[in-house]
């Protein structure tokens, strides 16, 4: 089923509505708390990165390994098409993933307060391992959609947790620097992961692509558990 040019334009016009609503809320509904500004302007210094504690670099390192496992969601669409999903229903892949993502994000926050961040993060990484294995060996559309469901669940369980770990492990006065370092490293890792996944897909097919993703996720999970075992549950914030 092909969309006409008028229908395509309508889709993009509809997409403008939430974007404008978000902009309006940011402009008219969000107010920054009062801040004390010291005399003189702080200058960005690369040496500040050296002031980050080991816990921050551990959290960032685990996030990088984890990002290698969760390459671009475009590969979910390719996998669904590979198993025979009609072109007209391809958007349903992202719909299912985002519904599960949105639906699990709030409960994940509540659960994080009860079992700790690293415990919930471990569960989220385990969900990604399951998603990768299902997507690797699933041969039907239903199987792929189950993998997509687990993919969305892992996003709901993990996306906010790494940011929380950065806030917990970075010194208070350098949290902005910490988030900058973390986001830069994660962005580079995502780019590399997607390029490698594309090479594996072209050279060896979808099965090896997702198996490789599950291996990186397993490495991230083992590293996280070893870190948690070493520092203890309450060594950093509410970890």
Protein backbone atom coordinates (compact mmCIF):
# COMPACT_ATOMS: atom_id res chain seq x y z
CA UNK A 1 0.00 0.00 0.00
CA UNK A 2 1.62 3.22 -1.16
CA UNK A 3 0.90 6.60 0.39
CA UNK A 4 -0.01 9.48 -1.85
CA UNK A 5 1.96 12.71 -1.69
CA UNK A 6 -0.97 14.41 0.07
CA UNK A 7 -1.05 11.73 2.74
CA UNK A 8 2.70 11.99 3.25
CA UNK A 9 2.41 15.74 3.73
CA UNK A 10 -0.43 15.18 6.21
CA UNK A 11 1.75 12.81 8.24
CA UNK A 12 4.49 15.43 8.56
CA UNK A 13 2.01 18.19 9.42
CA UNK A 14 0.60 16.02 12.19
CA UNK A 15 4.14 15.43 13.46
CA UNK A 16 4.59 19.21 13.78
CA UNK A 17 1.81 19.42 16.42
CA UNK A 18 3.62 17.66 19.31
CA UNK A 19 6.83 19.48 18.39
CA UNK A 20 5.09 22.85 18.70
CA UNK A 21 3.39 21.76 21.92
CA UNK A 22 6.76 20.79 23.40
CA UNK A 23 8.25 24.13 22.37
CA UNK A 24 5.33 26.01 23.92
CA UNK A 25 5.66 24.13 27.22
CA UNK A 26 9.39 24.81 27.31
CA UNK A 27 8.95 28.54 26.64
CA UNK A 28 5.88 29.29 28.76
CA UNK A 29 5.74 26.50 31.33
CA UNK A 30 9.31 25.83 32.41
CA UNK A 31 11.12 28.19 34.76
CA UNK A 32 14.69 27.69 35.91
CA UNK A 33 15.27 27.97 39.67
CA UNK A 34 17.22 31.02 40.89
CA UNK A 35 20.95 30.54 40.66
CA UNK A 36 23.85 32.30 42.27
CA UNK A 37 26.32 33.42 39.63
CA UNK A 38 29.87 33.89 40.82
CA UNK A 39 31.86 36.83 39.56
CA UNK A 40 33.72 36.04 36.38
CA UNK A 41 32.83 33.41 33.83
CA UNK A 42 33.90 29.81 34.23
CA UNK A 43 35.95 28.59 31.31
CA UNK A 44 35.69 25.09 29.90
CA UNK A 45 38.85 23.19 30.73
CA UNK A 46 39.75 19.76 29.42
CA UNK A 47 41.63 19.18 32.67
CA UNK A 48 38.25 18.93 34.43
CA UNK A 49 37.84 15.47 32.90
CA UNK A 50 40.77 14.34 35.04
CA UNK A 51 38.84 15.30 38.17
CA UNK A 52 36.13 12.74 37.49
CA UNK A 53 36.21 9.83 39.96
CA UNK A 54 36.73 6.20 38.98
CA UNK A 55 33.04 5.46 39.55
CA UNK A 56 32.09 7.97 36.85
CA UNK A 57 34.45 6.39 34.32
CA UNK A 58 33.17 2.93 35.21
CA UNK A 59 29.57 4.01 34.62
CA UNK A 60 30.57 5.64 31.33
CA UNK A 61 32.56 2.58 30.26
CA UNK A 62 29.63 0.24 30.96
CA UNK A 63 27.35 2.59 29.01
CA UNK A 64 29.72 2.48 26.03
CA UNK A 65 29.83 -1.33 26.02
CA UNK A 66 26.05 -1.38 26.39
CA UNK A 67 25.62 1.05 23.49
CA UNK A 68 27.56 -1.32 21.23
CA UNK A 69 24.75 -3.81 21.88
CA UNK A 70 21.86 -1.43 21.16
CA UNK A 71 22.59 -0.13 17.72
CA UNK A 72 20.09 1.89 15.69
CA UNK A 73 16.44 0.84 15.87
CA UNK A 74 16.42 0.91 12.07
CA UNK A 75 17.73 -2.66 12.26
CA UNK A 76 14.48 -3.69 13.94
CA UNK A 77 12.59 -2.51 10.87
CA UNK A 78 15.01 -4.31 8.56
CA UNK A 79 14.59 -7.50 10.58
CA UNK A 80 10.80 -7.28 10.41
CA UNK A 81 10.93 -6.79 6.64
CA UNK A 82 13.37 -9.69 6.37
CA UNK A 83 10.81 -12.01 7.98
CA UNK A 84 8.05 -10.94 5.63
CA UNK A 85 6.26 -8.03 7.32
CA UNK A 86 4.30 -6.15 4.59
CA UNK A 87 5.62 -2.68 3.85
CA UNK A 88 2.35 -1.07 4.93
CA UNK A 89 2.79 -2.45 8.47
CA UNK A 90 6.46 -1.57 8.91
CA UNK A 91 5.64 1.50 11.09
CA UNK A 92 4.01 -0.88 13.58
CA UNK A 93 7.51 -1.97 14.63
CA UNK A 94 8.32 1.46 16.01
CA UNK A 95 4.80 1.88 17.39
CA UNK A 96 5.09 -1.32 19.45
CA UNK A 97 8.59 -0.44 20.64
CA UNK A 98 7.64 3.08 21.73
CA UNK A 99 4.42 2.00 23.45
CA UNK A 100 6.34 -0.51 25.55
CA UNK A 101 9.12 2.04 26.13
CA UNK A 102 6.69 4.72 27.31
CA UNK A 103 4.61 2.29 29.35
CA UNK A 104 7.58 0.85 31.23
CA UNK A 105 9.53 4.06 31.91
CA UNK A 106 7.49 5.28 34.90
CA UNK A 107 7.24 1.88 36.64
CA UNK A 108 10.97 1.52 36.07
CA UNK A 109 11.59 4.73 38.00
CA UNK A 110 9.47 3.51 40.91
CA UNK A 111 11.20 0.11 40.87
CA UNK A 112 14.60 1.82 40.77
CA UNK A 113 13.84 3.46 44.12
CA UNK A 114 13.13 0.05 45.63
CA UNK A 115 15.83 -2.26 44.28
CA UNK A 116 18.54 0.25 43.34
CA UNK A 117 19.73 1.55 40.02
CA UNK A 118 22.32 -1.07 39.19
CA UNK A 119 19.88 -3.89 39.99
CA UNK A 120 17.27 -2.49 37.61
CA UNK A 121 19.95 -1.74 35.03
CA UNK A 122 21.01 -5.39 35.16
CA UNK A 123 17.41 -6.45 34.49
CA UNK A 124 17.23 -4.02 31.56
CA UNK A 125 20.44 -5.34 30.04
CA UNK A 126 19.12 -8.90 30.44
CA UNK A 127 16.02 -7.82 28.51
CA UNK A 128 18.25 -6.56 25.69
CA UNK A 129 20.10 -9.89 25.60
CA UNK A 130 16.74 -11.63 25.29
CA UNK A 131 15.60 -9.22 22.58
CA UNK A 132 18.78 -9.73 20.56
CA UNK A 133 18.52 -13.52 20.76
CA UNK A 134 14.85 -13.52 19.80
CA UNK A 135 15.56 -11.21 16.86
CA UNK A 136 18.53 -13.34 15.84
CA UNK A 137 16.73 -16.67 15.75
CA UNK A 138 13.12 -15.62 15.19
CA UNK A 139 11.88 -16.57 11.74
CA UNK A 140 8.32 -15.21 11.88
CA UNK A 141 6.80 -11.75 12.14
CA UNK A 142 5.30 -12.68 15.52
CA UNK A 143 8.72 -13.71 16.80
CA UNK A 144 10.29 -10.47 15.62
CA UNK A 145 7.53 -8.42 17.24
CA UNK A 146 8.22 -10.26 20.51
CA UNK A 147 11.86 -9.23 20.18
CA UNK A 148 10.76 -5.66 19.51
CA UNK A 149 8.63 -5.78 22.66
CA UNK A 150 11.65 -6.79 24.75
CA UNK A 151 13.71 -4.10 23.00
CA UNK A 152 11.21 -1.44 24.07
CA UNK A 153 11.17 -2.86 27.59
CA UNK A 154 14.95 -2.65 27.89
CA UNK A 155 14.81 0.99 26.81
CA UNK A 156 12.22 1.81 29.46
CA UNK A 157 14.32 0.10 32.10
CA UNK A 158 17.71 1.58 31.17
CA UNK A 159 17.49 4.92 29.36
CA UNK A 160 17.09 7.09 32.44
CA UNK A 161 19.33 5.03 34.69
CA UNK A 162 22.63 5.86 33.05
CA UNK A 163 21.85 9.57 33.38
CA UNK A 164 21.12 8.96 37.07
CA UNK A 165 24.44 7.15 37.49
CA UNK A 166 26.23 10.10 35.91
CA UNK A 167 24.52 12.46 38.36
CA UNK A 168 25.45 10.16 41.25
CA UNK A 169 29.09 9.63 40.34
CA UNK A 170 30.15 13.03 38.97
CA UNK A 171 31.16 15.75 41.48
CA UNK A 172 28.34 18.24 42.01
CA UNK A 173 30.22 21.18 40.49
CA UNK A 174 31.20 19.12 37.43
CA UNK A 175 27.90 17.41 36.64
CA UNK A 176 27.45 19.42 33.46
CA UNK A 177 30.92 18.35 32.33
CA UNK A 178 30.07 14.78 33.30
CA UNK A 179 26.91 14.74 31.21
CA UNK A 180 28.83 16.26 28.31
CA UNK A 181 31.54 13.58 28.45
CA UNK A 182 28.94 10.85 28.85
CA UNK A 183 26.77 12.03 25.93
CA UNK A 184 29.78 12.48 23.66
CA UNK A 185 31.09 8.99 24.43
CA UNK A 186 27.68 7.42 24.02
CA UNK A 187 27.09 9.19 20.70
CA UNK A 188 30.41 7.98 19.30
CA UNK A 189 29.66 4.45 20.52
CA UNK A 190 26.23 4.51 18.85
CA UNK A 191 27.78 5.61 15.56
CA UNK A 192 30.43 2.87 15.70
CA UNK A 193 27.86 0.26 16.76
CA UNK A 194 25.55 1.08 13.86
CA UNK A 195 28.40 1.01 11.32
CA UNK A 196 29.63 -2.34 12.63
CA UNK A 197 26.07 -3.73 12.71
CA UNK A 198 25.57 -2.62 9.12
CA UNK A 199 28.79 -4.35 8.07
CA UNK A 200 27.79 -7.56 9.84
CA UNK A 201 24.32 -7.42 8.29
CA UNK A 202 25.68 -6.97 4.76
CA UNK A 203 28.42 -9.55 5.18
CA UNK A 204 26.83 -12.25 7.32
CA UNK A 205 23.13 -11.52 7.68
CA UNK A 206 20.79 -10.49 10.51
CA UNK A 207 21.42 -13.52 12.73
CA UNK A 208 25.08 -12.75 13.40
CA UNK A 209 24.27 -9.03 13.77
CA UNK A 210 21.92 -9.61 16.67
CA UNK A 211 24.05 -12.39 18.19
CA UNK A 212 26.95 -9.93 18.28
CA UNK A 213 24.65 -7.43 19.99
CA UNK A 214 23.72 -10.00 22.63
CA UNK A 215 27.42 -10.70 23.26
CA UNK A 216 28.18 -7.01 23.87
CA UNK A 217 25.13 -6.80 26.17
CA UNK A 218 26.37 -9.85 28.10
CA UNK A 219 29.80 -8.22 28.53
CA UNK A 220 28.11 -5.05 29.80
CA UNK A 221 26.01 -7.09 32.24
CA UNK A 222 29.01 -9.00 33.60
CA UNK A 223 30.99 -5.77 33.99
CA UNK A 224 28.07 -4.12 35.80
CA UNK A 225 27.65 -7.05 38.20
CA UNK A 226 31.37 -7.15 38.94
CA UNK A 227 31.35 -3.40 39.62
CA UNK A 228 28.34 -3.72 41.90
CA UNK A 229 29.94 -6.61 43.75
CA UNK A 230 33.14 -4.61 44.26
CA UNK A 231 31.68 -1.36 45.51
CA UNK A 232 28.55 -2.68 47.22
CA UNK A 233 24.95 -1.62 46.70
CA UNK A 234 25.13 1.61 48.67
CA UNK A 235 28.59 2.88 47.74
CA UNK A 236 27.27 5.47 45.27
CA UNK A 237 23.97 7.17 45.96
CA UNK A 238 21.12 4.66 45.85
CA UNK A 239 22.91 2.24 43.54
